[in-house]
């Protein structure tokens, strides 16, 4: 099945391996509203949490666009380390090429669920948690909370489900209209939906807030929202 931007996949079997890395940025920019604006907002938020000696993490490097922006935005802060983790080797290879001129970036080909995190001040997940199986999410949120220093922040952007059936129907309709305006054909939209069955599992606002609160976060706010896409800021 073709889902646009020369990407082929199978029913209920979307992943980020193979040739996905070659056209991923073009594809995701057409798929996620305000994709680059979200990157910019995360950079601005980092002003409040990244110190001269901070360790900061990105969960899911993709092709290194966001981690590079963050490192360059904070280059005036000596001693800040930026670590990005992704289990897809093709993505990490692309990211290393993209970030080769930035010295304080470390790119790790590893599983974010199993990675041994150092104490950190800033952790970013940009549309990554939604691909973690629901059975593993609470334990992972607990791990994120424990790895943060007191006062550190977890910034999480996620696709979200509606709070009831009517809102969910509206969100799906509005999002499909968005993708059509971005040039995806009806077949590509349907193929992408079929490929994500059982792979991308969004939670509702309350579902995500519940994960954060059970992990220990109490200071939480929405920092960006467009229909079924939302950015959360949680401070330890």
Protein backbone atom coordinates (compact mmCIF):
# COMPACT_ATOMS: atom_id res chain seq x y z
CA UNK A 1 0.00 0.00 0.00
CA UNK A 2 1.22 3.49 -0.84
CA UNK A 3 0.66 6.23 1.74
CA UNK A 4 2.33 9.12 -0.09
CA UNK A 5 5.88 10.46 -0.52
CA UNK A 6 7.10 7.13 -2.02
CA UNK A 7 6.42 5.31 1.26
CA UNK A 8 4.95 1.81 1.04
CA UNK A 9 3.60 -0.20 3.95
CA UNK A 10 1.22 -3.03 4.82
CA UNK A 11 -2.05 -3.35 6.73
CA UNK A 12 -1.58 -2.93 10.49
CA UNK A 13 2.18 -2.93 10.01
CA UNK A 14 3.42 0.67 9.79
CA UNK A 15 7.01 1.13 10.92
CA UNK A 16 9.89 3.53 10.38
CA UNK A 17 12.36 1.11 8.82
CA UNK A 18 13.23 0.55 5.16
CA UNK A 19 13.08 3.63 2.94
CA UNK A 20 10.82 5.66 5.26
CA UNK A 21 13.76 7.79 6.43
CA UNK A 22 14.39 8.97 2.84
CA UNK A 23 11.20 11.04 2.61
CA UNK A 24 10.04 11.09 6.23
CA UNK A 25 10.35 14.84 6.78
CA UNK A 26 8.36 15.68 3.64
CA UNK A 27 5.71 13.14 4.68
CA UNK A 28 5.36 14.23 8.29
CA UNK A 29 5.25 17.94 7.41
CA UNK A 30 2.22 17.19 5.23
CA UNK A 31 0.69 14.92 7.88
CA UNK A 32 1.07 16.88 11.14
CA UNK A 33 -0.40 20.39 11.45
CA UNK A 34 2.08 23.05 12.54
CA UNK A 35 4.94 20.53 12.58
CA UNK A 36 7.73 23.12 12.43
CA UNK A 37 5.88 25.52 14.72
CA UNK A 38 5.84 22.78 17.35
CA UNK A 39 9.62 22.46 17.02
CA UNK A 40 10.01 26.20 17.50
CA UNK A 41 7.77 26.20 20.57
CA UNK A 42 9.81 23.41 22.17
CA UNK A 43 12.98 25.45 21.60
CA UNK A 44 11.39 28.45 23.32
CA UNK A 45 10.26 26.26 26.23
CA UNK A 46 13.80 24.95 26.65
CA UNK A 47 14.85 28.44 27.84
CA UNK A 48 13.10 27.74 31.14
CA UNK A 49 14.73 24.38 31.86
CA UNK A 50 18.08 23.91 30.07
CA UNK A 51 21.05 25.00 32.16
CA UNK A 52 24.74 25.28 31.35
CA UNK A 53 25.40 21.73 32.52
CA UNK A 54 22.09 20.06 31.65
CA UNK A 55 21.59 16.65 30.11
CA UNK A 56 18.57 16.75 27.79
CA UNK A 57 16.87 13.94 25.89
CA UNK A 58 14.77 13.56 22.77
CA UNK A 59 12.76 10.34 22.52
CA UNK A 60 12.67 9.24 18.88
CA UNK A 61 15.24 11.07 16.77
CA UNK A 62 13.60 10.54 13.35
CA UNK A 63 16.05 12.36 11.03
CA UNK A 64 17.45 14.70 13.67
CA UNK A 65 15.56 17.88 12.81
CA UNK A 66 14.37 18.72 16.32
CA UNK A 67 17.48 17.72 18.29
CA UNK A 68 19.61 19.82 15.93
CA UNK A 69 17.32 22.85 16.37
CA UNK A 70 17.44 22.48 20.15
CA UNK A 71 21.21 22.13 20.29
CA UNK A 72 21.78 25.16 18.05
CA UNK A 73 19.16 27.22 19.88
CA UNK A 74 20.97 26.52 23.17
CA UNK A 75 24.54 26.68 21.85
CA UNK A 76 25.26 29.68 24.09
CA UNK A 77 24.93 27.39 27.14
CA UNK A 78 28.26 25.59 27.66
CA UNK A 79 28.20 22.02 28.88
CA UNK A 80 24.66 21.19 27.79
CA UNK A 81 24.42 17.69 26.31
CA UNK A 82 21.70 16.64 23.87
CA UNK A 83 20.97 12.93 23.60
CA UNK A 84 18.47 11.47 21.14
CA UNK A 85 17.38 7.84 21.11
CA UNK A 86 15.75 5.84 18.33
CA UNK A 87 15.66 2.11 17.68
CA UNK A 88 15.43 2.48 13.88
CA UNK A 89 18.97 2.37 12.52
CA UNK A 90 18.04 4.01 9.19
CA UNK A 91 16.66 7.01 11.05
CA UNK A 92 19.76 7.27 13.22
CA UNK A 93 22.00 7.15 10.13
CA UNK A 94 20.03 10.04 8.57
CA UNK A 95 20.14 11.96 11.84
CA UNK A 96 23.90 11.54 12.18
CA UNK A 97 24.37 12.98 8.71
CA UNK A 98 22.03 15.86 9.49
CA UNK A 99 23.70 16.64 12.84
CA UNK A 100 27.33 15.92 11.96
CA UNK A 101 28.43 19.55 12.47
CA UNK A 102 26.91 19.90 15.96
CA UNK A 103 29.36 18.67 18.58
CA UNK A 104 27.18 18.30 21.68
CA UNK A 105 24.63 15.90 20.15
CA UNK A 106 24.77 12.17 20.91
CA UNK A 107 22.60 9.90 18.77
CA UNK A 108 21.87 6.45 20.15
CA UNK A 109 20.37 3.51 18.30
CA UNK A 110 18.51 1.99 21.23
CA UNK A 111 15.06 1.25 22.62
CA UNK A 112 13.68 4.18 24.64
CA UNK A 113 11.89 1.70 26.92
CA UNK A 114 15.15 0.02 27.93
CA UNK A 115 17.62 2.92 27.78
CA UNK A 116 19.50 3.81 30.98
CA UNK A 117 18.74 7.53 31.41
CA UNK A 118 20.93 9.91 33.37
CA UNK A 119 19.40 12.58 35.55
CA UNK A 120 18.12 15.26 33.18
CA UNK A 121 16.45 18.66 33.06
CA UNK A 122 14.53 18.44 29.80
CA UNK A 123 12.98 15.49 27.98
CA UNK A 124 11.10 15.82 24.69
CA UNK A 125 8.83 13.38 22.92
CA UNK A 126 7.53 14.67 19.60
CA UNK A 127 4.78 12.30 18.46
CA UNK A 128 6.60 9.23 19.78
CA UNK A 129 4.70 7.93 22.85
CA UNK A 130 1.67 7.12 20.69
CA UNK A 131 3.66 4.27 19.13
CA UNK A 132 4.49 2.63 22.49
CA UNK A 133 2.14 -0.28 23.25
CA UNK A 134 -0.41 0.85 25.86
CA UNK A 135 0.64 -1.96 28.20
CA UNK A 136 4.11 -0.40 28.48
CA UNK A 137 3.20 3.27 28.74
CA UNK A 138 2.66 3.73 32.45
CA UNK A 139 5.96 2.07 33.34
CA UNK A 140 7.66 4.30 30.77
CA UNK A 141 6.08 7.47 32.14
CA UNK A 142 7.23 6.41 35.60
CA UNK A 143 10.76 6.02 34.22
CA UNK A 144 10.67 9.48 32.64
CA UNK A 145 9.50 11.07 35.88
CA UNK A 146 12.22 9.36 37.92
CA UNK A 147 14.95 10.39 35.47
CA UNK A 148 14.11 14.11 35.68
CA UNK A 149 15.73 16.41 38.18
CA UNK A 150 13.36 18.31 40.46
CA UNK A 151 12.06 21.23 38.40
CA UNK A 152 12.84 19.46 35.13
CA UNK A 153 10.31 19.23 32.32
CA UNK A 154 8.80 16.61 30.07
CA UNK A 155 7.38 18.03 26.82
CA UNK A 156 5.14 15.60 24.99
CA UNK A 157 3.36 16.16 21.68
CA UNK A 158 0.81 13.50 20.78
CA UNK A 159 -2.06 12.74 18.48
CA UNK A 160 -5.11 12.54 20.77
CA UNK A 161 -8.54 10.93 20.61
CA UNK A 162 -11.79 12.77 21.27
CA UNK A 163 -13.40 12.61 24.70
CA UNK A 164 -16.56 11.03 23.25
CA UNK A 165 -17.81 9.50 19.99
CA UNK A 166 -19.21 12.76 18.54
CA UNK A 167 -15.99 14.67 19.09
CA UNK A 168 -13.94 11.77 17.74
CA UNK A 169 -16.00 11.70 14.54
CA UNK A 170 -15.49 15.45 14.13
CA UNK A 171 -11.76 15.17 14.72
CA UNK A 172 -11.36 12.38 12.17
CA UNK A 173 -13.34 14.32 9.57
CA UNK A 174 -11.37 17.53 10.13
CA UNK A 175 -8.05 15.72 10.02
CA UNK A 176 -8.93 13.89 6.79
CA UNK A 177 -9.89 17.24 5.27
CA UNK A 178 -6.52 18.63 6.37
CA UNK A 179 -4.66 15.77 4.66
CA UNK A 180 -6.64 16.23 1.45
CA UNK A 181 -5.71 19.92 1.44
CA UNK A 182 -2.07 18.87 1.79
CA UNK A 183 -2.28 16.79 -1.37
CA UNK A 184 -2.86 13.25 -0.10
CA UNK A 185 -5.26 11.23 -2.23
CA UNK A 186 -8.27 9.45 -0.66
CA UNK A 187 -6.52 6.10 -1.26
CA UNK A 188 -3.34 7.31 0.46
CA UNK A 189 -5.33 8.56 3.45
CA UNK A 190 -7.19 5.25 3.79
CA UNK A 191 -4.01 3.20 3.29
CA UNK A 192 -2.22 5.16 6.02
CA UNK A 193 -5.14 4.60 8.39
CA UNK A 194 -5.10 0.87 7.67
CA UNK A 195 -1.32 0.65 8.12
CA UNK A 196 -1.55 2.26 11.59
CA UNK A 197 -4.11 -0.18 13.03
CA UNK A 198 -2.76 -1.50 16.32
CA UNK A 199 0.48 0.46 15.80
CA UNK A 200 -0.48 4.05 16.55
CA UNK A 201 -2.69 4.09 19.68
CA UNK A 202 -3.57 7.64 20.70
CA UNK A 203 -5.09 8.34 24.12
CA UNK A 204 -7.55 11.10 24.89
CA UNK A 205 -6.53 14.24 26.78
CA UNK A 206 -7.63 12.63 30.03
CA UNK A 207 -5.86 9.39 29.18
CA UNK A 208 -2.55 11.21 28.71
CA UNK A 209 -3.09 13.34 31.81
CA UNK A 210 -3.82 10.18 33.81
CA UNK A 211 -0.49 8.65 32.74
CA UNK A 212 1.37 11.81 33.71
CA UNK A 213 -0.37 12.15 37.09
CA UNK A 214 0.09 8.52 38.05
CA UNK A 215 3.81 8.89 37.26
CA UNK A 216 3.98 11.75 39.77
CA UNK A 217 3.51 14.93 37.71
CA UNK A 218 1.13 17.50 39.19
CA UNK A 219 2.09 20.66 37.27
CA UNK A 220 0.77 20.04 33.75
CA UNK A 221 -0.53 22.32 31.01
CA UNK A 222 -1.40 22.21 27.33
CA UNK A 223 1.02 24.36 25.32
CA UNK A 224 -0.33 23.74 21.80
CA UNK A 225 -3.50 22.26 20.34
CA UNK A 226 -4.92 21.74 16.85
CA UNK A 227 -7.93 19.39 16.65
CA UNK A 228 -6.40 15.94 17.33
CA UNK A 229 -2.82 17.11 17.93
CA UNK A 230 -1.74 18.37 21.33
CA UNK A 231 1.42 19.40 23.15
CA UNK A 232 1.71 18.92 26.92
CA UNK A 233 4.21 20.42 29.34
CA UNK A 234 4.70 18.52 32.62
CA UNK A 235 7.09 19.81 35.31
CA UNK A 236 8.50 17.67 38.13
